[in-house]
Amino acid sequence: MVVDVKERLLQPDSQEKGWLLDGYPRSSSQSTALKGFGFKPHVFILLEILLRGKNIIYSPRETEEIAAGLTQRFDDTEEKVKLRLVTHNKNVEAELSMYEDITVRIAILTLSAQAKWH
């Protein structure tokens, strides 16, 4: 993955216009590799979703054609999601230590016990 990102960032359009990585790097090893290749972001944006309540419902506006093509991960259970969140939070903390001086935090607070994402 790191090599793919490196190759993409070396393309002329990225060199001339800049780049935006969404959800990457996800670990300190990926950040270290990017730094080793000479890539350093100007800003590191952290979107923090602050959950108030227990239930988050994903409710896309879909047509029958879209619904027919949707699948759900087999491991999308409450227990597995909690584990993924713990791992994600640990990785985020490691990332923040590398990008502390350029981090912009944006907090989003859900306003009800059941938030719908559209």
N, C-alpha and C. Protein backbone atom coordinates (compact mmCIF):
# COMPACT_ATOMS: atom_id res chain seq x y z
N MET A 1 0.83 -1.19 0.00
CA MET A 1 0.00 0.00 0.00
C MET A 1 0.87 1.26 0.00
N VAL A 2 1.91 1.29 0.81
CA VAL A 2 2.76 2.48 0.90
C VAL A 2 3.42 2.76 -0.45
N VAL A 3 3.85 1.71 -1.14
CA VAL A 3 4.50 1.90 -2.44
C VAL A 3 3.50 2.46 -3.45
N ASP A 4 2.25 1.98 -3.41
CA ASP A 4 1.22 2.50 -4.31
C ASP A 4 0.98 3.99 -4.05
N VAL A 5 0.90 4.37 -2.78
CA VAL A 5 0.69 5.78 -2.44
C VAL A 5 1.89 6.60 -2.90
N LYS A 6 3.09 6.09 -2.65
CA LYS A 6 4.30 6.80 -3.07
C LYS A 6 4.29 7.05 -4.58
N GLU A 7 3.99 5.99 -5.35
CA GLU A 7 3.98 6.13 -6.81
C GLU A 7 2.95 7.16 -7.26
N ARG A 8 1.79 7.16 -6.60
CA ARG A 8 0.75 8.12 -6.99
C ARG A 8 1.17 9.55 -6.66
N LEU A 9 1.78 9.74 -5.49
CA LEU A 9 2.18 11.09 -5.09
C LEU A 9 3.34 11.62 -5.92
N LEU A 10 4.05 10.73 -6.59
CA LEU A 10 5.14 11.16 -7.46
C LEU A 10 4.67 11.55 -8.86
N GLN A 11 3.39 11.33 -9.17
CA GLN A 11 2.85 11.69 -10.48
C GLN A 11 2.88 13.22 -10.64
N PRO A 12 3.05 13.68 -11.87
CA PRO A 12 3.17 15.13 -12.11
C PRO A 12 2.02 15.97 -11.54
N ASP A 13 0.77 15.48 -11.65
CA ASP A 13 -0.34 16.28 -11.15
C ASP A 13 -0.28 16.45 -9.63
N SER A 14 0.14 15.42 -8.92
CA SER A 14 0.29 15.52 -7.46
C SER A 14 1.42 16.46 -7.09
N GLN A 15 2.49 16.40 -7.85
CA GLN A 15 3.63 17.27 -7.60
C GLN A 15 3.28 18.73 -7.87
N GLU A 16 2.48 18.98 -8.91
CA GLU A 16 2.15 20.34 -9.30
C GLU A 16 1.00 20.93 -8.48
N LYS A 17 -0.05 20.14 -8.23
CA LYS A 17 -1.26 20.66 -7.61
C LYS A 17 -1.42 20.30 -6.14
N GLY A 18 -0.64 19.34 -5.66
CA GLY A 18 -0.78 18.90 -4.29
C GLY A 18 -1.62 17.63 -4.20
N TRP A 19 -1.88 17.19 -2.99
CA TRP A 19 -2.58 15.93 -2.81
C TRP A 19 -3.37 15.92 -1.51
N LEU A 20 -4.37 15.04 -1.48
CA LEU A 20 -5.21 14.83 -0.31
C LEU A 20 -5.34 13.32 -0.12
N LEU A 21 -5.01 12.85 1.06
CA LEU A 21 -5.16 11.43 1.37
C LEU A 21 -6.30 11.29 2.36
N ASP A 22 -7.29 10.50 2.02
CA ASP A 22 -8.47 10.29 2.86
C ASP A 22 -8.35 8.94 3.55
N GLY A 23 -8.19 8.95 4.88
CA GLY A 23 -8.09 7.70 5.61
C GLY A 23 -6.71 7.06 5.54
N TYR A 24 -5.73 7.81 5.15
CA TYR A 24 -4.37 7.31 5.03
C TYR A 24 -3.42 8.42 5.39
N PRO A 25 -2.40 8.17 6.14
CA PRO A 25 -1.96 6.90 6.71
C PRO A 25 -2.83 6.47 7.90
N ARG A 26 -2.88 5.17 8.12
CA ARG A 26 -3.68 4.62 9.22
C ARG A 26 -2.83 4.09 10.36
N SER A 27 -1.53 4.13 10.19
CA SER A 27 -0.65 3.62 11.25
C SER A 27 0.64 4.43 11.26
N SER A 28 1.35 4.33 12.37
CA SER A 28 2.62 5.07 12.46
C SER A 28 3.64 4.53 11.47
N SER A 29 3.58 3.24 11.15
CA SER A 29 4.53 2.69 10.16
C SER A 29 4.28 3.29 8.78
N GLN A 30 3.00 3.51 8.43
CA GLN A 30 2.71 4.14 7.15
C GLN A 30 3.15 5.60 7.16
N SER A 31 2.95 6.30 8.26
CA SER A 31 3.41 7.70 8.37
C SER A 31 4.92 7.79 8.26
N THR A 32 5.59 6.88 8.93
CA THR A 32 7.06 6.85 8.90
C THR A 32 7.56 6.59 7.49
N ALA A 33 6.90 5.67 6.79
CA ALA A 33 7.30 5.37 5.41
C ALA A 33 7.10 6.59 4.51
N LEU A 34 5.95 7.26 4.63
CA LEU A 34 5.71 8.46 3.83
C LEU A 34 6.77 9.52 4.10
N LYS A 35 7.08 9.70 5.36
CA LYS A 35 8.10 10.69 5.74
C LYS A 35 9.45 10.30 5.14
N GLY A 36 9.75 9.01 5.18
CA GLY A 36 11.01 8.52 4.61
C GLY A 36 11.10 8.75 3.11
N PHE A 37 9.96 8.75 2.42
CA PHE A 37 9.93 9.02 0.99
C PHE A 37 9.95 10.52 0.70
N GLY A 38 9.91 11.34 1.75
CA GLY A 38 9.96 12.79 1.57
C GLY A 38 8.61 13.47 1.48
N PHE A 39 7.54 12.78 1.83
CA PHE A 39 6.20 13.37 1.78
C PHE A 39 5.77 13.78 3.18
N LYS A 40 5.39 15.05 3.31
CA LYS A 40 4.84 15.53 4.57
C LYS A 40 3.65 16.41 4.26
N PRO A 41 2.50 16.09 4.86
CA PRO A 41 1.32 16.92 4.59
C PRO A 41 1.47 18.31 5.20
N HIS A 42 0.76 19.26 4.62
CA HIS A 42 0.73 20.62 5.17
C HIS A 42 -0.22 20.69 6.35
N VAL A 43 -1.26 19.84 6.32
CA VAL A 43 -2.25 19.81 7.40
C VAL A 43 -2.75 18.37 7.55
N PHE A 44 -3.04 18.01 8.78
CA PHE A 44 -3.60 16.69 9.11
C PHE A 44 -4.96 16.96 9.74
N ILE A 45 -6.03 16.59 9.04
CA ILE A 45 -7.38 16.87 9.51
C ILE A 45 -7.94 15.63 10.20
N LEU A 46 -8.38 15.81 11.42
CA LEU A 46 -8.97 14.71 12.18
C LEU A 46 -10.44 15.02 12.43
N LEU A 47 -11.32 14.23 11.83
CA LEU A 47 -12.76 14.35 12.08
C LEU A 47 -13.08 13.43 13.24
N GLU A 48 -13.54 14.00 14.34
CA GLU A 48 -13.90 13.23 15.51
C GLU A 48 -15.41 13.16 15.61
N ILE A 49 -15.96 11.96 15.50
CA ILE A 49 -17.40 11.76 15.63
C ILE A 49 -17.67 11.41 17.08
N LEU A 50 -18.35 12.29 17.78
CA LEU A 50 -18.66 12.09 19.18
C LEU A 50 -20.07 11.53 19.27
N LEU A 51 -20.16 10.29 19.67
CA LEU A 51 -21.44 9.60 19.68
C LEU A 51 -22.16 9.81 21.00
N ARG A 52 -23.35 10.31 20.92
CA ARG A 52 -24.18 10.48 22.11
C ARG A 52 -25.35 9.52 21.95
N GLY A 53 -25.47 8.57 22.82
CA GLY A 53 -26.51 7.56 22.68
C GLY A 53 -25.91 6.24 22.23
N LYS A 54 -26.75 5.26 22.03
CA LYS A 54 -26.26 3.92 21.74
C LYS A 54 -26.31 3.54 20.28
N ASN A 55 -27.26 4.03 19.53
CA ASN A 55 -27.51 3.50 18.20
C ASN A 55 -27.15 4.47 17.10
N ILE A 56 -26.37 3.99 16.17
CA ILE A 56 -26.10 4.74 14.95
C ILE A 56 -26.67 3.90 13.82
N ILE A 57 -27.53 4.49 13.03
CA ILE A 57 -28.22 3.77 11.96
C ILE A 57 -27.75 4.33 10.63
N TYR A 58 -27.28 3.47 9.75
CA TYR A 58 -26.91 3.91 8.41
C TYR A 58 -28.12 3.70 7.52
N SER A 59 -28.62 4.76 6.94
CA SER A 59 -29.86 4.69 6.19
C SER A 59 -29.70 5.40 4.85
N PRO A 60 -29.07 4.73 3.87
CA PRO A 60 -28.87 5.40 2.59
C PRO A 60 -30.18 5.53 1.82
N ARG A 61 -30.28 6.56 1.03
CA ARG A 61 -31.42 6.69 0.11
C ARG A 61 -31.05 5.85 -1.10
N GLU A 62 -31.76 4.76 -1.27
CA GLU A 62 -31.35 3.84 -2.32
C GLU A 62 -32.51 3.45 -3.22
N THR A 63 -32.16 3.09 -4.43
CA THR A 63 -33.13 2.54 -5.35
C THR A 63 -33.07 1.02 -5.22
N GLU A 64 -34.03 0.32 -5.83
CA GLU A 64 -34.01 -1.14 -5.78
C GLU A 64 -32.74 -1.68 -6.42
N GLU A 65 -32.28 -1.03 -7.48
CA GLU A 65 -31.07 -1.47 -8.17
C GLU A 65 -29.85 -1.34 -7.26
N ILE A 66 -29.74 -0.22 -6.54
CA ILE A 66 -28.62 -0.03 -5.62
C ILE A 66 -28.73 -1.02 -4.47
N ALA A 67 -29.93 -1.18 -3.91
CA ALA A 67 -30.13 -2.10 -2.78
C ALA A 67 -29.73 -3.52 -3.15
N ALA A 68 -30.00 -3.92 -4.37
CA ALA A 68 -29.67 -5.28 -4.81
C ALA A 68 -28.16 -5.51 -4.82
N GLY A 69 -27.38 -4.46 -5.01
CA GLY A 69 -25.93 -4.59 -5.06
C GLY A 69 -25.22 -4.38 -3.74
N LEU A 70 -25.95 -4.00 -2.69
CA LEU A 70 -25.34 -3.74 -1.40
C LEU A 70 -25.08 -5.04 -0.64
N THR A 71 -23.98 -5.08 0.04
CA THR A 71 -23.68 -6.21 0.92
C THR A 71 -23.24 -5.66 2.27
N GLN A 72 -23.36 -6.47 3.29
CA GLN A 72 -22.91 -6.08 4.62
C GLN A 72 -21.75 -6.99 5.01
N ARG A 73 -20.74 -6.42 5.63
CA ARG A 73 -19.61 -7.22 6.08
C ARG A 73 -20.08 -8.27 7.07
N PHE A 74 -19.51 -9.46 6.97
CA PHE A 74 -19.89 -10.53 7.89
C PHE A 74 -19.50 -10.21 9.32
N ASP A 75 -18.51 -9.36 9.49
CA ASP A 75 -18.05 -9.05 10.84
C ASP A 75 -18.58 -7.72 11.36
N ASP A 76 -19.66 -7.24 10.78
CA ASP A 76 -20.28 -6.02 11.29
C ASP A 76 -21.22 -6.34 12.45
N THR A 77 -20.61 -6.83 13.51
CA THR A 77 -21.35 -7.07 14.74
C THR A 77 -20.94 -6.01 15.74
N GLU A 78 -21.75 -5.79 16.75
CA GLU A 78 -21.43 -4.77 17.74
C GLU A 78 -20.06 -5.03 18.37
N GLU A 79 -19.78 -6.28 18.69
CA GLU A 79 -18.50 -6.64 19.32
C GLU A 79 -17.31 -6.33 18.41
N LYS A 80 -17.42 -6.71 17.15
CA LYS A 80 -16.31 -6.49 16.20
C LYS A 80 -16.12 -5.00 15.91
N VAL A 81 -17.21 -4.28 15.82
CA VAL A 81 -17.10 -2.83 15.57
C VAL A 81 -16.41 -2.15 16.75
N LYS A 82 -16.75 -2.55 17.97
CA LYS A 82 -16.09 -1.99 19.15
C LYS A 82 -14.58 -2.26 19.11
N LEU A 83 -14.20 -3.48 18.72
CA LEU A 83 -12.77 -3.81 18.62
C LEU A 83 -12.08 -2.96 17.55
N ARG A 84 -12.74 -2.79 16.41
CA ARG A 84 -12.15 -1.96 15.35
C ARG A 84 -12.00 -0.52 15.82
N LEU A 85 -12.96 -0.03 16.59
CA LEU A 85 -12.85 1.34 17.11
C LEU A 85 -11.69 1.49 18.09
N VAL A 86 -11.47 0.49 18.93
CA VAL A 86 -10.33 0.53 19.86
C VAL A 86 -9.03 0.60 19.08
N THR A 87 -8.89 -0.26 18.07
CA THR A 87 -7.69 -0.26 17.24
C THR A 87 -7.54 1.07 16.51
N HIS A 88 -8.63 1.57 15.95
CA HIS A 88 -8.60 2.85 15.25
C HIS A 88 -8.13 3.97 16.19
N ASN A 89 -8.68 4.02 17.39
CA ASN A 89 -8.31 5.08 18.33
C ASN A 89 -6.84 5.01 18.72
N LYS A 90 -6.31 3.81 18.90
CA LYS A 90 -4.87 3.67 19.21
C LYS A 90 -4.03 4.19 18.05
N ASN A 91 -4.43 3.82 16.82
CA ASN A 91 -3.68 4.27 15.64
C ASN A 91 -3.76 5.78 15.48
N VAL A 92 -4.92 6.36 15.75
CA VAL A 92 -5.08 7.81 15.63
C VAL A 92 -4.14 8.52 16.60
N GLU A 93 -4.04 8.01 17.82
CA GLU A 93 -3.14 8.63 18.80
C GLU A 93 -1.69 8.61 18.31
N ALA A 94 -1.28 7.49 17.70
CA ALA A 94 0.08 7.40 17.16
C ALA A 94 0.28 8.40 16.02
N GLU A 95 -0.74 8.53 15.17
CA GLU A 95 -0.66 9.48 14.07
C GLU A 95 -0.55 10.91 14.58
N LEU A 96 -1.35 11.23 15.58
CA LEU A 96 -1.34 12.59 16.12
C LEU A 96 0.02 12.96 16.67
N SER A 97 0.72 12.01 17.24
CA SER A 97 2.05 12.33 17.77
C SER A 97 3.01 12.70 16.65
N MET A 98 2.81 12.14 15.46
CA MET A 98 3.70 12.46 14.33
C MET A 98 3.32 13.79 13.67
N TYR A 99 2.03 14.14 13.72
CA TYR A 99 1.55 15.32 13.01
C TYR A 99 0.99 16.37 13.97
N GLU A 100 1.45 16.34 15.19
CA GLU A 100 0.92 17.21 16.25
C GLU A 100 0.90 18.68 15.85
N ASP A 101 1.96 19.13 15.20
CA ASP A 101 2.08 20.55 14.88
C ASP A 101 1.21 21.00 13.71
N ILE A 102 0.63 20.05 12.96
CA ILE A 102 -0.18 20.43 11.80
C ILE A 102 -1.60 19.86 11.87
N THR A 103 -2.01 19.36 13.02
CA THR A 103 -3.32 18.73 13.16
C THR A 103 -4.42 19.77 13.41
N VAL A 104 -5.50 19.60 12.66
CA VAL A 104 -6.72 20.39 12.85
C VAL A 104 -7.80 19.38 13.24
N ARG A 105 -8.37 19.56 14.44
CA ARG A 105 -9.44 18.66 14.91
C ARG A 105 -10.79 19.30 14.65
N ILE A 106 -11.68 18.49 14.07
CA ILE A 106 -13.05 18.93 13.84
C ILE A 106 -13.95 17.92 14.54
N ALA A 107 -14.68 18.37 15.55
CA ALA A 107 -15.55 17.48 16.31
C ALA A 107 -16.98 17.59 15.80
N ILE A 108 -17.61 16.44 15.62
CA ILE A 108 -19.00 16.38 15.18
C ILE A 108 -19.76 15.61 16.25
N LEU A 109 -20.74 16.25 16.86
CA LEU A 109 -21.51 15.64 17.93
C LEU A 109 -22.88 15.24 17.41
N THR A 110 -23.23 13.95 17.62
CA THR A 110 -24.58 13.54 17.25
C THR A 110 -25.52 14.11 18.30
N LEU A 111 -26.70 14.51 17.88
CA LEU A 111 -27.61 15.21 18.79
C LEU A 111 -28.69 14.34 19.40
N SER A 112 -28.80 13.11 18.94
CA SER A 112 -29.86 12.26 19.50
C SER A 112 -29.32 10.87 19.74
N ALA A 113 -30.09 10.09 20.44
CA ALA A 113 -29.67 8.71 20.73
C ALA A 113 -29.63 7.88 19.46
N GLN A 114 -30.45 8.22 18.49
CA GLN A 114 -30.43 7.49 17.23
C GLN A 114 -30.14 8.48 16.11
N ALA A 115 -28.91 8.46 15.66
CA ALA A 115 -28.51 9.35 14.57
C ALA A 115 -28.66 8.62 13.26
N LYS A 116 -29.23 9.28 12.27
CA LYS A 116 -29.37 8.68 10.96
C LYS A 116 -28.36 9.33 10.02
N TRP A 117 -27.63 8.53 9.30
CA TRP A 117 -26.67 9.01 8.32
C TRP A 117 -27.30 8.85 6.95
N HIS A 118 -27.41 9.95 6.22
CA HIS A 118 -28.03 9.88 4.88
C HIS A 118 -27.00 10.18 3.84
